[in-house]
């Protein structure tokens, strides 16, 4: 999350939900000031920026808000797109970042890689253990290591437990046909996924994405053996 106050500001789930619900309209609101007693918060209007397009990033962000805010859950729920009650729109991570950078007092949400590439300051969030945590590969991994992953790989890691777990984390899934008819293509796909899991970690980290924790990696490798190959 990027917002006024830059890298120094701390927010909790209630404050984030209130910002995006339009219930907090100025940055020196007492609910934010209480979380940041050492900051001289500006008397500046809040401008919310959200995605205009259907987005997995929105799905993860709103899933988190629905977990931490009963009001958000009741009024908006979660999904790739929701009926935003306030704010400006941006298409894609880049579009949101551009609006945020151009608008004093803006608050938006983008994936970590986009925030770093666009040099956006981002808030620390109070996690489920009550600790302020900044987004990084390490704090994302801290959340992923607590995940309970079903056999079909459906799982959620928003608001995960763990002292250093960042609370807004999601995974990227690949849909792979177990019985695809093109066996040669199946083999190449399996080889690529196996390479990405076992040798692509450094590339992922350099792009500000977290590799899978070892137990989850092994679970995926085991599942790959079920794909029909020559």
Protein backbone atom coordinates (compact mmCIF):
# COMPACT_ATOMS: atom_id res chain seq x y z
CA UNK A 1 0.00 0.00 0.00
CA UNK A 2 1.20 3.50 -0.87
CA UNK A 3 -0.06 6.55 0.97
CA UNK A 4 0.69 9.99 2.40
CA UNK A 5 3.28 9.78 5.15
CA UNK A 6 5.47 7.56 3.00
CA UNK A 7 7.53 4.71 4.37
CA UNK A 8 7.21 6.03 7.94
CA UNK A 9 3.45 5.61 8.32
CA UNK A 10 1.80 2.66 10.06
CA UNK A 11 -1.77 1.52 9.41
CA UNK A 12 -3.94 -1.28 10.72
CA UNK A 13 -6.75 -3.16 9.05
CA UNK A 14 -9.46 -0.91 10.48
CA UNK A 15 -7.72 2.21 9.17
CA UNK A 16 -7.16 0.72 5.71
CA UNK A 17 -10.81 -0.32 5.46
CA UNK A 18 -11.96 3.10 6.67
CA UNK A 19 -9.78 4.83 4.06
CA UNK A 20 -11.16 2.78 1.19
CA UNK A 21 -14.73 3.01 2.50
CA UNK A 22 -14.42 6.78 2.53
CA UNK A 23 -14.86 6.93 6.32
CA UNK A 24 -11.43 8.52 6.80
CA UNK A 25 -11.20 11.58 4.59
CA UNK A 26 -8.12 13.43 5.92
CA UNK A 27 -4.65 12.15 6.76
CA UNK A 28 -4.60 13.67 10.24
CA UNK A 29 -7.69 11.69 11.26
CA UNK A 30 -7.40 10.60 14.92
CA UNK A 31 -7.50 6.92 13.93
CA UNK A 32 -4.33 7.34 11.89
CA UNK A 33 -2.73 9.77 14.35
CA UNK A 34 -3.15 7.24 17.17
CA UNK A 35 -1.12 4.71 15.18
CA UNK A 36 1.56 7.29 14.36
CA UNK A 37 2.15 9.44 17.47
CA UNK A 38 5.60 10.57 16.29
CA UNK A 39 4.48 11.68 12.81
CA UNK A 40 3.32 15.17 11.94
CA UNK A 41 0.46 14.06 9.72
CA UNK A 42 -0.75 16.62 7.17
CA UNK A 43 -4.23 18.12 7.20
CA UNK A 44 -4.62 16.82 3.66
CA UNK A 45 -7.63 15.24 1.94
CA UNK A 46 -7.42 11.52 1.21
CA UNK A 47 -7.80 10.46 -2.41
CA UNK A 48 -8.43 6.73 -2.80
CA UNK A 49 -7.12 5.09 -5.96
CA UNK A 50 -8.29 1.63 -7.02
CA UNK A 51 -8.22 -0.61 -10.06
CA UNK A 52 -10.62 0.06 -12.94
CA UNK A 53 -10.17 -3.47 -14.32
CA UNK A 54 -10.85 -6.91 -12.89
CA UNK A 55 -7.73 -7.85 -10.97
CA UNK A 56 -6.22 -10.59 -8.88
CA UNK A 57 -4.51 -7.84 -6.90
CA UNK A 58 -7.94 -6.42 -6.06
CA UNK A 59 -9.15 -9.89 -5.09
CA UNK A 60 -6.29 -10.32 -2.61
CA UNK A 61 -6.62 -6.79 -1.23
CA UNK A 62 -10.39 -7.01 -0.72
CA UNK A 63 -10.14 -10.51 0.75
CA UNK A 64 -7.83 -9.03 3.40
CA UNK A 65 -10.25 -6.15 4.06
CA UNK A 66 -13.18 -8.56 4.38
CA UNK A 67 -11.22 -10.52 7.01
CA UNK A 68 -10.24 -7.51 9.13
CA UNK A 69 -13.34 -5.31 8.76
CA UNK A 70 -16.90 -6.56 9.37
CA UNK A 71 -18.22 -3.37 7.76
CA UNK A 72 -16.22 -4.01 4.60
CA UNK A 73 -17.33 -7.65 4.51
CA UNK A 74 -21.00 -6.70 4.86
CA UNK A 75 -20.98 -3.81 2.39
CA UNK A 76 -18.53 -4.84 -0.32
CA UNK A 77 -17.24 -8.37 0.18
CA UNK A 78 -14.27 -9.40 -1.95
CA UNK A 79 -13.45 -10.29 -5.52
CA UNK A 80 -11.59 -9.20 -8.64
CA UNK A 81 -13.86 -6.16 -8.75
CA UNK A 82 -16.08 -4.56 -6.10
CA UNK A 83 -18.46 -1.59 -5.99
CA UNK A 84 -15.95 0.93 -4.68
CA UNK A 85 -17.76 3.62 -2.66
CA UNK A 86 -15.18 6.31 -3.37
CA UNK A 87 -12.01 7.10 -5.24
CA UNK A 88 -10.32 7.44 -8.61
CA UNK A 89 -9.53 4.64 -11.03
CA UNK A 90 -6.33 3.39 -12.62
CA UNK A 91 -5.91 0.55 -15.09
CA UNK A 92 -3.49 -2.10 -13.94
CA UNK A 93 -0.78 -1.70 -11.33
CA UNK A 94 0.93 0.91 -13.50
CA UNK A 95 -2.26 2.94 -13.87
CA UNK A 96 -2.88 3.00 -10.11
CA UNK A 97 0.75 3.95 -9.48
CA UNK A 98 0.59 6.80 -11.96
CA UNK A 99 -2.56 8.28 -10.38
CA UNK A 100 -1.10 7.93 -6.89
CA UNK A 101 2.16 9.64 -7.88
CA UNK A 102 0.30 12.49 -9.56
CA UNK A 103 -2.20 13.11 -6.74
CA UNK A 104 -1.19 14.69 -3.40
CA UNK A 105 -2.73 12.72 -0.51
CA UNK A 106 -3.48 9.66 -2.62
CA UNK A 107 -3.62 6.13 -1.24
CA UNK A 108 -3.62 3.09 -3.50
CA UNK A 109 -2.71 -0.58 -3.65
CA UNK A 110 -0.30 -2.27 -6.06
CA UNK A 111 1.80 -5.40 -5.94
CA UNK A 112 5.21 -5.09 -4.27
CA UNK A 113 7.17 -5.34 -7.52
CA UNK A 114 5.20 -2.42 -8.98
CA UNK A 115 5.63 -0.31 -5.83
CA UNK A 116 9.39 -0.78 -5.92
CA UNK A 117 9.70 -0.28 -9.66
CA UNK A 118 7.67 2.94 -9.46
CA UNK A 119 9.57 4.05 -6.33
CA UNK A 120 6.37 4.43 -4.33
CA UNK A 121 6.71 4.72 -0.55
CA UNK A 122 4.47 2.22 1.19
CA UNK A 123 2.97 1.86 4.64
CA UNK A 124 3.75 -0.71 7.29
CA UNK A 125 0.68 -2.72 8.24
CA UNK A 126 -0.19 -4.12 11.65
CA UNK A 127 -0.39 -7.87 11.13
CA UNK A 128 -2.49 -10.49 12.90
CA UNK A 129 0.08 -10.68 15.73
CA UNK A 130 -0.10 -6.90 16.32
CA UNK A 131 3.28 -6.11 14.75
CA UNK A 132 3.93 -3.39 12.15
CA UNK A 133 5.37 -5.13 9.08
CA UNK A 134 6.56 -3.78 5.75
CA UNK A 135 6.15 -5.68 2.51
CA UNK A 136 9.27 -7.53 1.39
CA UNK A 137 10.18 -10.93 -0.02
CA UNK A 138 11.08 -12.00 3.53
CA UNK A 139 7.76 -10.94 5.10
CA UNK A 140 5.84 -12.50 2.23
CA UNK A 141 7.69 -15.78 2.79
CA UNK A 142 6.90 -15.50 6.50
CA UNK A 143 3.21 -15.50 5.60
CA UNK A 144 3.51 -18.31 3.06
CA UNK A 145 5.24 -20.64 5.51
CA UNK A 146 2.09 -20.67 7.67
CA UNK A 147 -0.23 -21.65 4.81
CA UNK A 148 -2.24 -24.84 5.04
CA UNK A 149 -2.40 -25.98 1.44
CA UNK A 150 -5.08 -28.40 0.28
CA UNK A 151 -4.38 -31.14 -2.25
CA UNK A 152 -5.95 -29.00 -4.99
CA UNK A 153 -3.75 -26.04 -3.94
CA UNK A 154 -6.62 -23.78 -2.95
CA UNK A 155 -5.43 -21.69 -0.04
CA UNK A 156 -5.39 -18.17 1.35
CA UNK A 157 -2.58 -16.33 3.12
CA UNK A 158 -4.21 -12.96 3.75
CA UNK A 159 -3.92 -11.88 7.40
CA UNK A 160 -1.76 -14.93 8.07
CA UNK A 161 -0.35 -15.71 11.53
CA UNK A 162 3.31 -15.16 12.27
CA UNK A 163 5.29 -12.41 13.98
CA UNK A 164 6.84 -11.12 10.76
CA UNK A 165 4.12 -12.13 8.28
CA UNK A 166 2.92 -9.37 5.95
CA UNK A 167 -0.90 -9.44 6.02
CA UNK A 168 -1.71 -8.85 2.33
CA UNK A 169 -0.20 -11.80 0.46
CA UNK A 170 -1.45 -13.97 -2.36
CA UNK A 171 -0.13 -16.68 -4.65
CA UNK A 172 -0.01 -17.08 -8.42
CA UNK A 173 -1.51 -20.29 -9.75
CA UNK A 174 -0.92 -22.25 -12.94
CA UNK A 175 -3.73 -24.41 -14.30
CA UNK A 176 -2.14 -27.53 -15.76
CA UNK A 177 -4.09 -30.29 -17.50
CA UNK A 178 -3.21 -33.65 -16.03
CA UNK A 179 -4.33 -35.54 -19.15
CA UNK A 180 -3.54 -33.04 -21.91
CA UNK A 181 -3.55 -34.62 -25.37
CA UNK A 182 -0.29 -33.03 -26.56
CA UNK A 183 2.17 -35.14 -24.59
CA UNK A 184 5.27 -33.41 -25.98
CA UNK A 185 3.89 -30.06 -24.86
CA UNK A 186 3.03 -31.56 -21.47
CA UNK A 187 6.62 -32.69 -21.05
CA UNK A 188 8.04 -29.24 -21.86
CA UNK A 189 5.58 -27.58 -19.49
CA UNK A 190 6.47 -29.96 -16.66
CA UNK A 191 10.17 -29.39 -17.32
CA UNK A 192 9.70 -25.62 -17.19
CA UNK A 193 7.70 -25.69 -13.97
CA UNK A 194 10.24 -28.02 -12.36
CA UNK A 195 13.06 -25.67 -13.43
CA UNK A 196 11.19 -22.61 -12.13
CA UNK A 197 10.63 -24.26 -8.76
CA UNK A 198 14.10 -25.68 -8.27
CA UNK A 199 16.36 -23.20 -10.08
CA UNK A 200 14.35 -20.03 -10.59
CA UNK A 201 14.31 -18.74 -7.00
CA UNK A 202 16.99 -16.11 -7.54
CA UNK A 203 15.21 -14.77 -10.61
CA UNK A 204 11.95 -14.48 -8.66
CA UNK A 205 13.62 -12.69 -5.74
CA UNK A 206 15.39 -10.26 -8.09
CA UNK A 207 11.97 -9.35 -9.50
CA UNK A 208 10.60 -8.87 -5.94
CA UNK A 209 8.49 -12.03 -5.95
CA UNK A 210 8.78 -14.65 -3.24
CA UNK A 211 9.68 -18.24 -4.16
CA UNK A 212 7.63 -21.04 -2.65
CA UNK A 213 8.66 -22.35 0.76
CA UNK A 214 10.31 -25.78 0.54
CA UNK A 215 7.32 -27.84 1.81
CA UNK A 216 4.97 -26.20 -0.71
CA UNK A 217 7.55 -26.56 -3.45
CA UNK A 218 7.77 -30.30 -2.74
CA UNK A 219 3.98 -30.55 -2.78
CA UNK A 220 3.89 -28.98 -6.26
CA UNK A 221 6.69 -31.24 -7.52
CA UNK A 222 4.77 -34.27 -6.30
CA UNK A 223 1.61 -33.08 -8.07
CA UNK A 224 3.57 -32.60 -11.31
CA UNK A 225 4.25 -36.34 -11.40
CA UNK A 226 0.53 -36.84 -12.12
CA UNK A 227 0.75 -34.96 -15.43
CA UNK A 228 0.72 -37.36 -18.38
CA UNK A 229 3.98 -37.15 -20.31
CA UNK A 230 5.70 -39.43 -22.88
